[in-house]
Amino acid sequence: MLNFANNASYTITLNVKDLLWGILILALIVLVLFIIALIYKAIKNLSATHKIIQSNGHNISKILENASNISTNANSVSNDIAHASNAFKPSVENIADVTESITQTFKDNNSINEAILKAYKFVNKGAKMAENYKNKKKNEEVADEVEKTEKECVDEN
């Protein structure tokens, strides 16, 4: 039996070694708890996976039975694609040749291209000027209408 009298004093002395052992033991306890939680979650996931596999077992069996047919069909499709790509290969090469010819024609006729570009820019500027003039006329008509309405409102008062 311990005596906790008023005049009794108790002293606890810890050295660094004891403190480090205590911290190490606490860390190990936390690690064990973490591992237990991790194992618990893994078991839950495995259980859910097992249920999914059981509920879809019939479908999985059908797929496995037809796996050879599926692979045969995939092989047939890949052969068809290879044949089709070989059939289009000359056309692609022809397109490349035509594109190169067109590019060379543009390079050879650079002065004509510049003239066409200048004409396009000139026509585009003219269209923008006409649009601005049209918008300016509309804005003037709207401003006149607003002034007229304001005068009517002032005359009524």
Protein backbone atom coordinates (compact mmCIF):
# COMPACT_ATOMS: atom_id res chain seq x y z
CA MET A 1 0.00 0.00 0.00
CA LEU A 2 1.23 3.44 -0.94
CA ASN A 3 1.19 6.27 1.50
CA PHE A 4 0.34 9.65 -0.07
CA ALA A 5 0.85 11.85 2.95
CA ASN A 6 0.99 15.59 2.65
CA ASN A 7 4.65 15.82 3.42
CA ALA A 8 5.76 13.03 1.06
CA SER A 9 7.44 14.08 -2.20
CA TYR A 10 7.99 11.86 -5.18
CA THR A 11 10.64 12.34 -7.81
CA ILE A 12 10.68 10.68 -11.22
CA THR A 13 13.99 10.60 -12.99
CA LEU A 14 14.27 9.73 -16.68
CA ASN A 15 17.48 9.60 -18.59
CA VAL A 16 17.71 10.01 -22.38
CA LYS A 17 18.03 6.26 -22.93
CA ASP A 18 14.74 5.58 -21.12
CA LEU A 19 13.02 8.40 -23.02
CA LEU A 20 14.20 7.04 -26.38
CA TRP A 21 13.05 3.53 -25.42
CA GLY A 22 9.63 4.93 -24.58
CA ILE A 23 9.41 6.76 -27.91
CA LEU A 24 10.55 3.62 -29.75
CA ILE A 25 7.91 1.51 -28.01
CA LEU A 26 5.20 4.06 -28.84
CA ALA A 27 6.35 4.12 -32.49
CA LEU A 28 6.22 0.33 -32.64
CA ILE A 29 2.70 0.32 -31.18
CA VAL A 30 1.57 2.86 -33.80
CA LEU A 31 3.24 0.80 -36.53
CA VAL A 32 1.51 -2.38 -35.38
CA LEU A 33 -1.86 -0.57 -35.31
CA PHE A 34 -1.23 0.77 -38.81
CA ILE A 35 -0.35 -2.71 -40.11
CA ILE A 36 -3.49 -4.14 -38.49
CA ALA A 37 -5.63 -1.45 -40.17
CA LEU A 38 -3.90 -2.12 -43.50
CA ILE A 39 -4.51 -5.87 -43.24
CA TYR A 40 -8.16 -5.23 -42.29
CA LYS A 41 -8.70 -3.08 -45.39
CA ALA A 42 -6.93 -5.64 -47.59
CA ILE A 43 -9.20 -8.40 -46.28
CA LYS A 44 -12.29 -6.24 -46.97
CA ASN A 45 -11.08 -5.58 -50.53
CA LEU A 46 -10.35 -9.25 -51.12
CA SER A 47 -13.79 -10.15 -49.80
CA ALA A 48 -15.46 -7.66 -52.15
CA THR A 49 -13.39 -8.93 -55.06
CA HIS A 50 -14.35 -12.52 -54.22
CA LYS A 51 -18.05 -11.58 -54.18
CA ILE A 52 -17.73 -9.86 -57.58
CA ILE A 53 -15.99 -12.88 -59.07
CA GLN A 54 -18.62 -15.24 -57.62
CA SER A 55 -21.52 -13.16 -58.94
CA ASN A 56 -19.93 -12.92 -62.41
CA GLY A 57 -18.47 -16.43 -62.50
CA HIS A 58 -20.86 -17.62 -65.20
CA ASN A 59 -19.98 -14.70 -67.48
CA ILE A 60 -16.27 -15.20 -66.87
CA SER A 61 -16.60 -18.87 -67.79
CA LYS A 62 -18.37 -17.94 -71.06
CA ILE A 63 -15.63 -15.47 -71.92
CA LEU A 64 -12.94 -18.05 -71.24
CA GLU A 65 -14.78 -20.59 -73.40
CA ASN A 66 -14.92 -18.09 -76.28
CA ALA A 67 -11.36 -16.81 -75.82
CA SER A 68 -10.04 -18.84 -78.75
CA ASN A 69 -12.79 -17.47 -81.03
CA ILE A 70 -12.10 -13.94 -79.84
CA SER A 71 -8.38 -14.27 -80.55
CA THR A 72 -9.13 -15.77 -83.99
CA ASN A 73 -11.44 -12.86 -84.80
CA ALA A 74 -8.86 -10.35 -83.58
CA ASN A 75 -6.23 -11.99 -85.78
CA SER A 76 -8.59 -11.85 -88.78
CA VAL A 77 -9.33 -8.17 -88.18
CA SER A 78 -5.64 -7.32 -87.87
CA ASN A 79 -4.95 -9.17 -91.15
CA ASP A 80 -7.77 -7.23 -92.85
CA ILE A 81 -6.36 -3.95 -91.56
CA ALA A 82 -2.88 -4.87 -92.79
CA HIS A 83 -4.30 -5.69 -96.24
CA ALA A 84 -6.29 -2.44 -96.36
CA SER A 85 -3.29 -0.36 -95.33
CA ASN A 86 -1.20 -1.99 -98.06
CA ALA A 87 -3.95 -1.21 -100.58
CA PHE A 88 -3.92 2.50 -99.60
CA LYS A 89 -0.14 2.81 -99.51
CA PRO A 90 0.23 3.71 -103.24
CA SER A 91 -2.52 6.34 -102.89
CA VAL A 92 -0.75 7.94 -99.95
CA GLU A 93 2.51 8.01 -101.87
CA ASN A 94 0.68 9.59 -104.84
CA ILE A 95 -0.82 12.24 -102.55
CA ALA A 96 2.66 13.02 -101.24
CA ASP A 97 3.95 13.44 -104.81
CA VAL A 98 1.02 15.70 -105.77
CA THR A 99 1.50 17.81 -102.65
CA GLU A 100 5.17 18.21 -103.41
CA SER A 101 4.29 19.26 -106.99
CA ILE A 102 1.78 21.83 -105.76
CA THR A 103 4.30 23.20 -103.27
CA GLN A 104 6.90 23.55 -106.00
CA THR A 105 4.35 25.33 -108.24
CA PHE A 106 3.64 27.85 -105.49
CA LYS A 107 7.35 28.42 -105.00
CA ASP A 108 7.85 28.91 -108.73
CA ASN A 109 4.95 31.40 -108.98
CA ASN A 110 5.82 33.47 -105.92
CA SER A 111 5.32 36.83 -107.69
CA ILE A 112 1.81 35.79 -108.80
CA ASN A 113 0.99 34.66 -105.28
CA GLU A 114 2.15 38.00 -103.88
CA ALA A 115 -0.04 39.86 -106.39
CA ILE A 116 -3.06 37.73 -105.44
CA LEU A 117 -2.37 38.38 -101.75
CA LYS A 118 -2.12 42.13 -102.33
CA ALA A 119 -5.39 42.11 -104.29
CA TYR A 120 -7.10 40.16 -101.50
CA LYS A 121 -5.84 42.63 -98.89
CA PHE A 122 -7.06 45.56 -101.02
CA VAL A 123 -10.54 44.04 -101.44
CA ASN A 124 -10.67 43.18 -97.73
CA LYS A 125 -9.80 46.78 -96.76
CA GLY A 126 -12.48 48.07 -99.13
CA ALA A 127 -15.07 45.76 -97.56
CA LYS A 128 -14.08 46.92 -94.07
CA MET A 129 -14.35 50.57 -95.12
CA ALA A 130 -17.81 49.95 -96.59
CA GLU A 131 -18.88 48.18 -93.38
CA ASN A 132 -17.56 51.05 -91.25
CA TYR A 133 -19.41 53.59 -93.41
CA LYS A 134 -22.61 51.55 -93.12
CA ASN A 135 -22.22 51.28 -89.33
CA LYS A 136 -21.48 55.01 -89.08
CA LYS A 137 -24.71 55.79 -90.98
CA LYS A 138 -26.68 53.51 -88.66
CA ASN A 139 -25.09 55.11 -85.59
CA GLU A 140 -26.00 58.58 -86.88
CA GLU A 141 -29.60 57.46 -87.48
CA VAL A 142 -29.81 56.01 -83.97
CA ALA A 143 -28.33 59.18 -82.46
CA ASP A 144 -30.89 61.30 -84.36
CA GLU A 145 -33.70 59.03 -83.10
CA VAL A 146 -32.44 59.34 -79.51
CA GLU A 147 -32.32 63.14 -79.76
CA LYS A 148 -35.83 63.20 -81.18
CA THR A 149 -37.12 60.99 -78.36
CA GLU A 150 -35.39 63.15 -75.74
CA LYS A 151 -36.98 66.30 -77.18
CA GLU A 152 -40.41 64.67 -77.16
CA CYS A 153 -39.94 63.68 -73.51
CA VAL A 154 -38.86 67.20 -72.56
CA ASP A 155 -41.79 68.76 -74.49
CA GLU A 156 -44.29 66.51 -72.68
CA ASN A 157 -43.04 67.71 -69.27
